[in-house]
Amino acid sequence: MSTVSSSPTRCNLPPAAARHFGAFAVAGAMALLAIGGTVLHAQGQDKDKYSLTSPGGVAFSDFRGYEDWSVVSSARTDEVLKVIVANPTMIKAFKTGVPGNGHPFPDGSMIAKLQWKPKKSMEAQFAVDVPDVFTQAFVMEKDSKRFPKSGGWGYALFNYDAASDKFTADPKSLADCGNTCHTAVKAKDYIFHPYQKR
């Protein structure tokens, strides 16, 4: 009468197959470690930048996730390429006609102007400037109770240093730092850029 062993069975692979299997296992483990390291590094960067608060009391953490917000518009000067993004609350307001319909943006609206130094593309078959080094995130948030003196908007500037891979709150960035410029578009609830047709 035969007995069935309760010990786990082992695959008897030929030596060459076993070596390949081992190599794949090592490669897979290294890939997972690399991905994990990248994720942890990114989380560390987020923790650092989202701990920042401007001198005027605007916290970078209020804008958590801005990297994935919808694009409102873009702009450029000779020195800077800019992409303007907004949070879902503000995008929804834009799509209902704000500010052109005479209504202001609701509290909770947030917008960020992301800025890069430009460079000439070395790959395109025509002359075109593309983003090079990221430099700044200029942000605005609507909170009528916190910022009554600047039309309900709080402003802040967070600078990025590529060499150290670190963000810092601009020391001169008061909560109303952008209000002087934005007063020119008070009739548009202090927002220069419309939501561009696409």
N, C-alpha and C. Protein backbone atom coordinates (compact mmCIF):
# COMPACT_ATOMS: atom_id res chain seq x y z
N MET A 1 0.85 -1.17 0.00
CA MET A 1 0.00 0.00 0.00
C MET A 1 0.90 1.23 0.00
N SER A 2 0.59 2.13 -0.88
CA SER A 2 1.46 3.30 -0.99
C SER A 2 1.02 4.37 -0.02
N THR A 3 1.99 5.12 0.47
CA THR A 3 1.69 6.24 1.37
C THR A 3 1.92 7.55 0.64
N VAL A 4 1.08 8.53 0.96
CA VAL A 4 1.22 9.85 0.35
C VAL A 4 1.99 10.73 1.31
N SER A 5 3.04 11.31 0.83
CA SER A 5 3.88 12.17 1.68
C SER A 5 3.16 13.47 1.97
N SER A 6 3.23 13.94 3.19
CA SER A 6 2.61 15.23 3.55
C SER A 6 3.56 16.39 3.33
N SER A 7 4.81 16.11 3.00
CA SER A 7 5.77 17.19 2.77
C SER A 7 5.52 17.83 1.43
N PRO A 8 5.78 19.15 1.29
CA PRO A 8 5.52 19.84 0.03
C PRO A 8 6.37 19.25 -1.09
N THR A 9 5.74 19.17 -2.27
CA THR A 9 6.46 18.63 -3.43
C THR A 9 7.34 19.72 -4.00
N ARG A 10 8.43 19.33 -4.62
CA ARG A 10 9.35 20.28 -5.24
C ARG A 10 9.40 20.00 -6.72
N CYS A 11 9.52 21.07 -7.48
CA CYS A 11 9.64 20.93 -8.92
C CYS A 11 11.05 20.49 -9.24
N ASN A 12 11.20 19.44 -9.96
CA ASN A 12 12.52 18.99 -10.36
C ASN A 12 12.83 19.57 -11.73
N LEU A 13 13.35 20.79 -11.75
CA LEU A 13 13.69 21.44 -13.01
C LEU A 13 15.07 21.01 -13.45
N PRO A 14 15.26 20.91 -14.76
CA PRO A 14 16.62 20.67 -15.26
C PRO A 14 17.51 21.82 -14.79
N PRO A 15 18.81 21.58 -14.62
CA PRO A 15 19.72 22.62 -14.11
C PRO A 15 19.67 23.92 -14.89
N ALA A 16 19.61 23.84 -16.24
CA ALA A 16 19.59 25.07 -17.05
C ALA A 16 18.32 25.86 -16.79
N ALA A 17 17.18 25.15 -16.70
CA ALA A 17 15.91 25.83 -16.44
C ALA A 17 15.92 26.45 -15.05
N ALA A 18 16.49 25.75 -14.09
CA ALA A 18 16.56 26.28 -12.73
C ALA A 18 17.38 27.56 -12.68
N ARG A 19 18.49 27.59 -13.46
CA ARG A 19 19.31 28.79 -13.49
C ARG A 19 18.53 29.97 -14.08
N HIS A 20 17.78 29.69 -15.18
CA HIS A 20 16.97 30.75 -15.80
C HIS A 20 15.89 31.25 -14.84
N PHE A 21 15.24 30.30 -14.17
CA PHE A 21 14.20 30.66 -13.22
C PHE A 21 14.77 31.55 -12.12
N GLY A 22 15.94 31.17 -11.62
CA GLY A 22 16.60 31.96 -10.57
C GLY A 22 16.94 33.35 -11.05
N ALA A 23 17.42 33.44 -12.30
CA ALA A 23 17.78 34.75 -12.86
C ALA A 23 16.54 35.64 -12.98
N PHE A 24 15.42 35.05 -13.45
CA PHE A 24 14.19 35.82 -13.57
C PHE A 24 13.70 36.30 -12.20
N ALA A 25 13.82 35.43 -11.20
CA ALA A 25 13.38 35.78 -9.85
C ALA A 25 14.20 36.95 -9.31
N VAL A 26 15.51 36.90 -9.52
CA VAL A 26 16.39 37.99 -9.05
C VAL A 26 16.06 39.28 -9.79
N ALA A 27 15.89 39.18 -11.12
CA ALA A 27 15.57 40.38 -11.91
C ALA A 27 14.24 40.98 -11.47
N GLY A 28 13.27 40.11 -11.23
CA GLY A 28 11.96 40.60 -10.78
C GLY A 28 12.04 41.29 -9.43
N ALA A 29 12.79 40.70 -8.52
CA ALA A 29 12.96 41.30 -7.20
C ALA A 29 13.64 42.66 -7.29
N MET A 30 14.66 42.77 -8.16
CA MET A 30 15.37 44.04 -8.33
C MET A 30 14.45 45.10 -8.92
N ALA A 31 13.61 44.69 -9.87
CA ALA A 31 12.67 45.64 -10.48
C ALA A 31 11.69 46.17 -9.44
N LEU A 32 11.18 45.26 -8.59
CA LEU A 32 10.26 45.69 -7.53
C LEU A 32 10.94 46.64 -6.55
N LEU A 33 12.19 46.35 -6.20
CA LEU A 33 12.93 47.24 -5.31
C LEU A 33 13.12 48.61 -5.93
N ALA A 34 13.43 48.65 -7.23
CA ALA A 34 13.63 49.93 -7.92
C ALA A 34 12.34 50.73 -7.95
N ILE A 35 11.22 50.05 -8.25
CA ILE A 35 9.93 50.75 -8.28
C ILE A 35 9.58 51.25 -6.89
N GLY A 36 9.79 50.39 -5.90
CA GLY A 36 9.50 50.79 -4.52
C GLY A 36 10.34 51.97 -4.10
N GLY A 37 11.62 51.96 -4.48
CA GLY A 37 12.50 53.08 -4.13
C GLY A 37 12.05 54.37 -4.77
N THR A 38 11.61 54.29 -6.03
CA THR A 38 11.12 55.48 -6.73
C THR A 38 9.88 56.03 -6.06
N VAL A 39 8.95 55.14 -5.69
CA VAL A 39 7.72 55.56 -5.03
C VAL A 39 8.04 56.21 -3.69
N LEU A 40 8.93 55.59 -2.91
CA LEU A 40 9.29 56.16 -1.61
C LEU A 40 9.97 57.51 -1.77
N HIS A 41 10.84 57.65 -2.79
CA HIS A 41 11.50 58.94 -3.04
C HIS A 41 10.46 60.00 -3.37
N ALA A 42 9.51 59.65 -4.25
CA ALA A 42 8.46 60.60 -4.62
C ALA A 42 7.61 60.98 -3.41
N GLN A 43 7.29 59.99 -2.56
CA GLN A 43 6.52 60.28 -1.36
C GLN A 43 7.29 61.20 -0.42
N GLY A 44 8.62 60.99 -0.35
CA GLY A 44 9.45 61.86 0.48
C GLY A 44 9.45 63.28 -0.02
N GLN A 45 9.53 63.44 -1.35
CA GLN A 45 9.50 64.78 -1.94
C GLN A 45 8.17 65.45 -1.64
N ASP A 46 7.07 64.70 -1.81
CA ASP A 46 5.75 65.27 -1.55
C ASP A 46 5.63 65.70 -0.10
N LYS A 47 6.13 64.84 0.83
CA LYS A 47 6.06 65.17 2.24
C LYS A 47 6.80 66.47 2.52
N ASP A 48 7.97 66.65 1.89
CA ASP A 48 8.77 67.86 2.10
C ASP A 48 8.06 69.10 1.58
N LYS A 49 7.60 69.02 0.33
CA LYS A 49 7.00 70.23 -0.25
C LYS A 49 5.65 70.55 0.38
N TYR A 50 4.90 69.51 0.74
CA TYR A 50 3.58 69.76 1.31
C TYR A 50 3.64 70.15 2.78
N SER A 51 4.83 70.24 3.34
CA SER A 51 4.98 70.75 4.71
C SER A 51 5.21 72.26 4.69
N LEU A 52 5.37 72.84 3.49
CA LEU A 52 5.69 74.27 3.37
C LEU A 52 4.45 75.15 3.52
N THR A 53 4.65 76.30 4.12
CA THR A 53 3.60 77.32 4.22
C THR A 53 4.23 78.67 3.89
N SER A 54 3.54 79.45 3.09
CA SER A 54 4.07 80.76 2.71
C SER A 54 4.02 81.71 3.90
N PRO A 55 4.81 82.82 3.86
CA PRO A 55 4.76 83.80 4.97
C PRO A 55 3.35 84.33 5.21
N GLY A 56 2.53 84.33 4.17
CA GLY A 56 1.16 84.81 4.31
C GLY A 56 0.18 83.77 4.80
N GLY A 57 0.67 82.55 5.08
CA GLY A 57 -0.19 81.53 5.66
C GLY A 57 -0.85 80.59 4.67
N VAL A 58 -0.45 80.65 3.40
CA VAL A 58 -1.01 79.73 2.40
C VAL A 58 -0.17 78.46 2.39
N ALA A 59 -0.79 77.34 2.68
CA ALA A 59 -0.08 76.06 2.78
C ALA A 59 -0.02 75.38 1.42
N PHE A 60 1.16 74.87 1.08
CA PHE A 60 1.31 74.13 -0.18
C PHE A 60 0.44 72.87 -0.16
N SER A 61 0.20 72.33 1.03
CA SER A 61 -0.61 71.11 1.14
C SER A 61 -2.05 71.34 0.70
N ASP A 62 -2.52 72.60 0.71
CA ASP A 62 -3.86 72.89 0.21
C ASP A 62 -3.98 72.51 -1.27
N PHE A 63 -2.84 72.49 -1.95
CA PHE A 63 -2.82 72.25 -3.40
C PHE A 63 -2.37 70.82 -3.73
N ARG A 64 -2.44 69.95 -2.75
CA ARG A 64 -2.02 68.56 -2.94
C ARG A 64 -2.74 67.96 -4.16
N GLY A 65 -1.95 67.35 -5.05
CA GLY A 65 -2.52 66.74 -6.25
C GLY A 65 -2.56 67.66 -7.46
N TYR A 66 -2.02 68.89 -7.30
CA TYR A 66 -2.06 69.85 -8.43
C TYR A 66 -1.37 69.30 -9.68
N GLU A 67 -0.46 68.36 -9.49
CA GLU A 67 0.27 67.79 -10.63
C GLU A 67 -0.68 67.14 -11.64
N ASP A 68 -1.85 66.73 -11.17
CA ASP A 68 -2.82 66.03 -12.03
C ASP A 68 -4.06 66.85 -12.34
N TRP A 69 -4.07 68.13 -11.97
CA TRP A 69 -5.24 68.96 -12.25
C TRP A 69 -5.36 69.25 -13.74
N SER A 70 -6.57 69.61 -14.16
CA SER A 70 -6.83 69.92 -15.57
C SER A 70 -6.20 71.24 -15.96
N VAL A 71 -5.77 71.30 -17.22
CA VAL A 71 -5.16 72.52 -17.75
C VAL A 71 -6.25 73.54 -18.07
N VAL A 72 -6.03 74.77 -17.65
CA VAL A 72 -6.91 75.88 -17.97
C VAL A 72 -6.40 76.58 -19.23
N SER A 73 -5.11 76.91 -19.21
CA SER A 73 -4.53 77.68 -20.30
C SER A 73 -3.01 77.58 -20.23
N SER A 74 -2.35 78.30 -21.11
CA SER A 74 -0.89 78.38 -21.07
C SER A 74 -0.48 79.79 -21.46
N ALA A 75 0.77 80.11 -21.16
CA ALA A 75 1.29 81.44 -21.50
C ALA A 75 2.80 81.34 -21.58
N ARG A 76 3.42 82.37 -22.15
CA ARG A 76 4.87 82.39 -22.17
C ARG A 76 5.38 83.82 -22.25
N THR A 77 6.54 84.02 -21.67
CA THR A 77 7.30 85.25 -21.85
C THR A 77 8.59 84.82 -22.52
N ASP A 78 9.51 85.76 -22.71
CA ASP A 78 10.80 85.39 -23.30
C ASP A 78 11.58 84.44 -22.40
N GLU A 79 11.33 84.53 -21.09
CA GLU A 79 12.12 83.74 -20.14
C GLU A 79 11.39 82.55 -19.55
N VAL A 80 10.07 82.49 -19.66
CA VAL A 80 9.31 81.49 -18.91
C VAL A 80 8.18 80.89 -19.75
N LEU A 81 8.05 79.55 -19.66
CA LEU A 81 6.87 78.86 -20.18
C LEU A 81 5.95 78.58 -19.00
N LYS A 82 4.64 78.82 -19.18
CA LYS A 82 3.71 78.68 -18.06
C LYS A 82 2.53 77.80 -18.47
N VAL A 83 2.14 76.92 -17.56
CA VAL A 83 0.92 76.13 -17.73
C VAL A 83 0.05 76.42 -16.52
N ILE A 84 -1.20 76.79 -16.77
CA ILE A 84 -2.12 77.13 -15.69
C ILE A 84 -3.10 75.96 -15.51
N VAL A 85 -3.16 75.45 -14.30
CA VAL A 85 -4.05 74.33 -13.98
C VAL A 85 -4.97 74.72 -12.83
N ALA A 86 -6.11 74.03 -12.73
CA ALA A 86 -7.06 74.35 -11.66
C ALA A 86 -7.66 73.07 -11.08
N ASN A 87 -8.11 73.18 -9.83
CA ASN A 87 -8.71 72.02 -9.18
C ASN A 87 -10.13 71.76 -9.71
N PRO A 88 -10.71 70.62 -9.43
CA PRO A 88 -12.04 70.29 -9.98
C PRO A 88 -13.12 71.31 -9.65
N THR A 89 -13.07 71.91 -8.47
CA THR A 89 -14.07 72.92 -8.10
C THR A 89 -14.03 74.10 -9.06
N MET A 90 -12.82 74.55 -9.37
CA MET A 90 -12.68 75.71 -10.26
C MET A 90 -12.97 75.34 -11.71
N ILE A 91 -12.54 74.15 -12.13
CA ILE A 91 -12.84 73.71 -13.50
C ILE A 91 -14.35 73.64 -13.72
N LYS A 92 -15.07 73.12 -12.73
CA LYS A 92 -16.54 73.03 -12.83
C LYS A 92 -17.14 74.42 -12.99
N ALA A 93 -16.62 75.39 -12.21
CA ALA A 93 -17.11 76.76 -12.31
C ALA A 93 -16.82 77.36 -13.68
N PHE A 94 -15.60 77.15 -14.18
CA PHE A 94 -15.26 77.62 -15.53
C PHE A 94 -16.27 77.09 -16.55
N LYS A 95 -16.58 75.80 -16.45
CA LYS A 95 -17.45 75.16 -17.44
C LYS A 95 -18.91 75.62 -17.35
N THR A 96 -19.28 76.22 -16.23
CA THR A 96 -20.64 76.77 -16.12
C THR A 96 -20.68 78.25 -16.52
N GLY A 97 -19.52 78.78 -16.95
CA GLY A 97 -19.51 80.15 -17.46
C GLY A 97 -18.84 81.18 -16.57
N VAL A 98 -18.41 80.79 -15.37
CA VAL A 98 -17.71 81.72 -14.48
C VAL A 98 -16.33 82.02 -15.07
N PRO A 99 -15.88 83.27 -15.07
CA PRO A 99 -16.50 84.47 -14.52
C PRO A 99 -17.28 85.29 -15.56
N GLY A 100 -17.31 84.81 -16.80
CA GLY A 100 -17.97 85.56 -17.87
C GLY A 100 -19.45 85.79 -17.64
N ASN A 101 -20.08 84.93 -16.85
CA ASN A 101 -21.51 85.08 -16.58
C ASN A 101 -21.80 86.03 -15.42
N GLY A 102 -20.74 86.67 -14.92
CA GLY A 102 -20.93 87.64 -13.85
C GLY A 102 -20.86 87.05 -12.45
N HIS A 103 -20.74 85.74 -12.35
CA HIS A 103 -20.65 85.10 -11.04
C HIS A 103 -19.19 84.92 -10.64
N PRO A 104 -18.89 85.00 -9.36
CA PRO A 104 -17.52 84.76 -8.90
C PRO A 104 -17.24 83.27 -8.76
N PHE A 105 -15.97 82.93 -8.67
CA PHE A 105 -15.60 81.55 -8.39
C PHE A 105 -15.99 81.21 -6.95
N PRO A 106 -16.43 79.99 -6.70
CA PRO A 106 -16.82 79.64 -5.33
C PRO A 106 -15.61 79.45 -4.42
N ASP A 107 -15.83 79.59 -3.13
CA ASP A 107 -14.78 79.26 -2.17
C ASP A 107 -14.36 77.80 -2.38
N GLY A 108 -13.07 77.55 -2.23
CA GLY A 108 -12.54 76.22 -2.50
C GLY A 108 -11.90 76.11 -3.87
N SER A 109 -12.09 77.14 -4.71
CA SER A 109 -11.44 77.16 -6.03
C SER A 109 -9.95 77.37 -5.83
N MET A 110 -9.16 76.64 -6.61
CA MET A 110 -7.69 76.76 -6.55
C MET A 110 -7.12 76.70 -7.94
N ILE A 111 -6.10 77.52 -8.16
CA ILE A 111 -5.45 77.57 -9.47
C ILE A 111 -3.94 77.68 -9.25
N ALA A 112 -3.19 77.08 -10.13
CA ALA A 112 -1.73 77.10 -10.01
C ALA A 112 -1.11 77.42 -11.36
N LYS A 113 -0.15 78.30 -11.34
CA LYS A 113 0.62 78.62 -12.55
C LYS A 113 1.99 77.96 -12.40
N LEU A 114 2.24 76.96 -13.23
CA LEU A 114 3.47 76.18 -13.16
C LEU A 114 4.45 76.72 -14.20
N GLN A 115 5.68 76.99 -13.79
CA GLN A 115 6.62 77.72 -14.65
C GLN A 115 7.91 76.95 -14.89
N TRP A 116 8.32 76.95 -16.15
CA TRP A 116 9.57 76.31 -16.58
C TRP A 116 10.42 77.30 -17.36
N LYS A 117 11.73 77.14 -17.27
CA LYS A 117 12.61 77.82 -18.22
C LYS A 117 12.49 77.08 -19.54
N PRO A 118 12.45 77.80 -20.66
CA PRO A 118 12.33 77.11 -21.95
C PRO A 118 13.70 76.73 -22.53
N LYS A 119 13.67 75.80 -23.45
CA LYS A 119 14.86 75.47 -24.23
C LYS A 119 14.41 75.11 -25.65
N LYS A 120 15.32 75.21 -26.59
CA LYS A 120 15.02 74.84 -27.97
C LYS A 120 15.03 73.32 -28.09
N SER A 121 14.01 72.79 -28.73
CA SER A 121 13.98 71.35 -28.94
C SER A 121 15.07 70.96 -29.94
N MET A 122 15.83 69.93 -29.60
CA MET A 122 16.87 69.42 -30.48
C MET A 122 16.36 68.26 -31.34
N GLU A 123 15.08 67.88 -31.13
CA GLU A 123 14.54 66.72 -31.84
C GLU A 123 13.49 67.09 -32.87
N ALA A 124 12.73 68.15 -32.61
CA ALA A 124 11.68 68.55 -33.54
C ALA A 124 12.26 68.98 -34.88
N GLN A 125 11.49 68.80 -35.94
CA GLN A 125 11.93 69.16 -37.29
C GLN A 125 11.65 70.62 -37.61
N PHE A 126 11.24 71.37 -36.60
CA PHE A 126 10.94 72.79 -36.77
C PHE A 126 11.34 73.50 -35.48
N ALA A 127 11.39 74.83 -35.54
CA ALA A 127 11.81 75.60 -34.36
C ALA A 127 10.70 75.61 -33.32
N VAL A 128 11.01 75.08 -32.14
CA VAL A 128 10.00 75.06 -31.08
C VAL A 128 10.69 75.07 -29.72
N ASP A 129 10.12 75.85 -28.80
CA ASP A 129 10.60 75.87 -27.42
C ASP A 129 9.82 74.84 -26.62
N VAL A 130 10.51 74.14 -25.75
CA VAL A 130 9.89 73.14 -24.88
C VAL A 130 10.34 73.42 -23.44
N PRO A 131 9.60 72.90 -22.43
CA PRO A 131 10.01 73.11 -21.05
C PRO A 131 11.37 72.47 -20.76
N ASP A 132 12.18 73.18 -19.98
CA ASP A 132 13.47 72.65 -19.56
C ASP A 132 13.45 72.43 -18.06
N VAL A 133 13.86 73.42 -17.28
CA VAL A 133 13.94 73.27 -15.83
C VAL A 133 12.73 73.90 -15.17
N PHE A 134 12.05 73.13 -14.31
CA PHE A 134 10.92 73.67 -13.55
C PHE A 134 11.46 74.67 -12.54
N THR A 135 10.73 75.80 -12.35
CA THR A 135 11.25 76.86 -11.47
C THR A 135 10.30 77.26 -10.34
N GLN A 136 8.99 77.33 -10.63
CA GLN A 136 8.08 77.89 -9.62
C GLN A 136 6.66 77.35 -9.77
N ALA A 137 5.96 77.36 -8.64
CA ALA A 137 4.51 77.16 -8.64
C ALA A 137 3.91 78.38 -7.96
N PHE A 138 3.19 79.19 -8.74
CA PHE A 138 2.48 80.35 -8.19
C PHE A 138 1.03 79.91 -8.00
N VAL A 139 0.53 80.03 -6.78
CA VAL A 139 -0.79 79.45 -6.48
C VAL A 139 -1.75 80.49 -5.93
N MET A 140 -3.05 80.24 -6.15
CA MET A 140 -4.11 81.08 -5.61
C MET A 140 -5.22 80.17 -5.09
N GLU A 141 -5.80 80.55 -3.96
CA GLU A 141 -6.95 79.80 -3.46
C GLU A 141 -8.02 80.77 -3.00
N LYS A 142 -9.29 80.39 -3.24
CA LYS A 142 -10.41 81.26 -2.89
C LYS A 142 -10.96 80.86 -1.52
N ASP A 143 -10.92 81.82 -0.61
CA ASP A 143 -11.48 81.63 0.73
C ASP A 143 -11.87 83.02 1.23
N SER A 144 -13.11 83.38 1.04
CA SER A 144 -13.57 84.74 1.32
C SER A 144 -13.39 85.15 2.78
N LYS A 145 -13.48 84.18 3.68
CA LYS A 145 -13.33 84.50 5.10
C LYS A 145 -11.87 84.76 5.47
N ARG A 146 -10.95 83.99 4.89
CA ARG A 146 -9.53 84.14 5.23
C ARG A 146 -8.89 85.33 4.53
N PHE A 147 -9.35 85.64 3.31
CA PHE A 147 -8.68 86.67 2.50
C PHE A 147 -9.65 87.76 2.04
N PRO A 148 -10.35 88.40 2.97
CA PRO A 148 -11.36 89.40 2.57
C PRO A 148 -10.77 90.65 1.93
N LYS A 149 -9.51 90.97 2.27
CA LYS A 149 -8.91 92.21 1.75
C LYS A 149 -8.37 92.08 0.33
N SER A 150 -8.31 90.87 -0.20
CA SER A 150 -7.77 90.69 -1.56
C SER A 150 -8.78 89.96 -2.45
N GLY A 151 -10.03 90.37 -2.32
CA GLY A 151 -11.08 89.82 -3.18
C GLY A 151 -11.41 88.37 -2.90
N GLY A 152 -11.01 87.89 -1.73
CA GLY A 152 -11.29 86.50 -1.37
C GLY A 152 -10.20 85.53 -1.77
N TRP A 153 -9.17 86.03 -2.44
CA TRP A 153 -8.10 85.15 -2.93
C TRP A 153 -6.84 85.26 -2.06
N GLY A 154 -6.25 84.11 -1.78
CA GLY A 154 -4.94 84.06 -1.14
C GLY A 154 -3.91 83.66 -2.17
N TYR A 155 -2.73 84.25 -2.10
CA TYR A 155 -1.68 84.04 -3.10
C TYR A 155 -0.40 83.52 -2.43
N ALA A 156 0.35 82.70 -3.14
CA ALA A 156 1.64 82.26 -2.63
C ALA A 156 2.53 81.82 -3.79
N LEU A 157 3.82 81.86 -3.53
CA LEU A 157 4.81 81.44 -4.53
C LEU A 157 5.75 80.43 -3.88
N PHE A 158 5.89 79.28 -4.52
CA PHE A 158 6.80 78.25 -4.05
C PHE A 158 7.86 78.03 -5.12
N ASN A 159 9.12 78.27 -4.76
CA ASN A 159 10.23 78.16 -5.70
C ASN A 159 10.80 76.75 -5.68
N TYR A 160 11.27 76.31 -6.85
CA TYR A 160 11.88 74.99 -6.95
C TYR A 160 13.33 75.13 -7.39
N ASP A 161 14.23 74.44 -6.67
CA ASP A 161 15.65 74.43 -7.02
C ASP A 161 15.99 73.05 -7.56
N ALA A 162 16.31 72.98 -8.84
CA ALA A 162 16.57 71.70 -9.49
C ALA A 162 17.81 71.02 -8.93
N ALA A 163 18.83 71.79 -8.55
CA ALA A 163 20.08 71.21 -8.05
C ALA A 163 19.86 70.40 -6.78
N SER A 164 19.03 70.92 -5.88
CA SER A 164 18.77 70.22 -4.62
C SER A 164 17.49 69.40 -4.67
N ASP A 165 16.70 69.58 -5.75
CA ASP A 165 15.42 68.89 -5.89
C ASP A 165 14.49 69.23 -4.73
N LYS A 166 14.49 70.53 -4.35
CA LYS A 166 13.70 70.97 -3.20
C LYS A 166 12.85 72.19 -3.55
N PHE A 167 11.67 72.25 -2.94
CA PHE A 167 10.82 73.43 -2.99
C PHE A 167 11.05 74.27 -1.74
N THR A 168 10.89 75.58 -1.87
CA THR A 168 10.91 76.47 -0.71
C THR A 168 9.80 77.50 -0.90
N ALA A 169 9.24 77.98 0.21
CA ALA A 169 8.26 79.06 0.15
C ALA A 169 9.01 80.36 -0.07
N ASP A 170 8.57 81.13 -1.06
CA ASP A 170 9.24 82.41 -1.32
C ASP A 170 9.08 83.32 -0.09
N PRO A 171 10.20 83.83 0.44
CA PRO A 171 10.12 84.61 1.68
C PRO A 171 9.35 85.92 1.55
N LYS A 172 9.19 86.41 0.33
CA LYS A 172 8.46 87.67 0.13
C LYS A 172 7.01 87.44 -0.27
N SER A 173 6.58 86.20 -0.25
CA SER A 173 5.26 85.83 -0.76
C SER A 173 4.19 85.99 0.30
N LEU A 174 3.62 87.16 0.40
CA LEU A 174 2.53 87.40 1.34
C LEU A 174 1.22 86.90 0.75
N ALA A 175 0.20 86.75 1.59
CA ALA A 175 -1.07 86.19 1.13
C ALA A 175 -1.72 87.05 0.05
N ASP A 176 -1.38 88.34 0.03
CA ASP A 176 -1.96 89.22 -0.98
C ASP A 176 -0.93 89.65 -2.02
N CYS A 177 0.17 88.85 -2.12
CA CYS A 177 1.31 89.27 -2.96
C CYS A 177 0.93 89.46 -4.42
N GLY A 178 -0.05 88.72 -4.92
CA GLY A 178 -0.42 88.84 -6.33
C GLY A 178 -1.60 89.75 -6.57
N ASN A 179 -2.20 90.26 -5.50
CA ASN A 179 -3.43 91.02 -5.66
C ASN A 179 -3.25 92.32 -6.42
N THR A 180 -2.10 92.97 -6.25
CA THR A 180 -1.86 94.24 -6.96
C THR A 180 -1.95 94.04 -8.46
N CYS A 181 -1.29 93.00 -8.96
CA CYS A 181 -1.35 92.71 -10.40
C CYS A 181 -2.75 92.26 -10.82
N HIS A 182 -3.36 91.42 -10.01
CA HIS A 182 -4.64 90.81 -10.39
C HIS A 182 -5.82 91.76 -10.28
N THR A 183 -5.62 92.91 -9.64
CA THR A 183 -6.69 93.91 -9.57
C THR A 183 -7.08 94.38 -10.96
N ALA A 184 -6.15 94.28 -11.92
CA ALA A 184 -6.44 94.67 -13.31
C ALA A 184 -7.57 93.84 -13.90
N VAL A 185 -7.78 92.64 -13.35
CA VAL A 185 -8.86 91.78 -13.87
C VAL A 185 -9.88 91.50 -12.76
N LYS A 186 -10.14 92.49 -11.95
CA LYS A 186 -11.12 92.36 -10.86
C LYS A 186 -12.48 91.94 -11.40
N ALA A 187 -12.85 92.48 -12.55
CA ALA A 187 -14.16 92.16 -13.15
C ALA A 187 -14.27 90.69 -13.53
N LYS A 188 -13.13 90.00 -13.65
CA LYS A 188 -13.11 88.57 -13.95
C LYS A 188 -12.78 87.75 -12.69
N ASP A 189 -13.14 88.31 -11.55
CA ASP A 189 -12.84 87.70 -10.26
C ASP A 189 -11.35 87.44 -10.10
N TYR A 190 -10.56 88.40 -10.58
CA TYR A 190 -9.10 88.43 -10.37
C TYR A 190 -8.34 87.33 -11.12
N ILE A 191 -8.96 86.72 -12.11
CA ILE A 191 -8.31 85.63 -12.85
C ILE A 191 -8.03 86.09 -14.28
N PHE A 192 -6.75 86.05 -14.67
CA PHE A 192 -6.36 86.49 -16.01
C PHE A 192 -6.79 85.52 -17.11
N HIS A 193 -6.60 84.25 -16.88
CA HIS A 193 -6.73 83.28 -17.96
C HIS A 193 -8.10 82.61 -18.01
N PRO A 194 -8.75 82.66 -19.16
CA PRO A 194 -10.02 81.94 -19.32
C PRO A 194 -9.74 80.46 -19.54
N TYR A 195 -10.76 79.67 -19.37
CA TYR A 195 -10.66 78.25 -19.69
C TYR A 195 -10.70 78.12 -21.21
N GLN A 196 -9.58 77.68 -21.79
CA GLN A 196 -9.45 77.70 -23.26
C GLN A 196 -10.24 76.57 -23.92
N LYS A 197 -10.86 76.91 -25.05
CA LYS A 197 -11.59 75.93 -25.84
C LYS A 197 -10.66 74.82 -26.28
N ARG A 198 -11.14 73.60 -26.27
CA ARG A 198 -10.32 72.45 -26.71
C ARG A 198 -11.21 71.40 -27.34
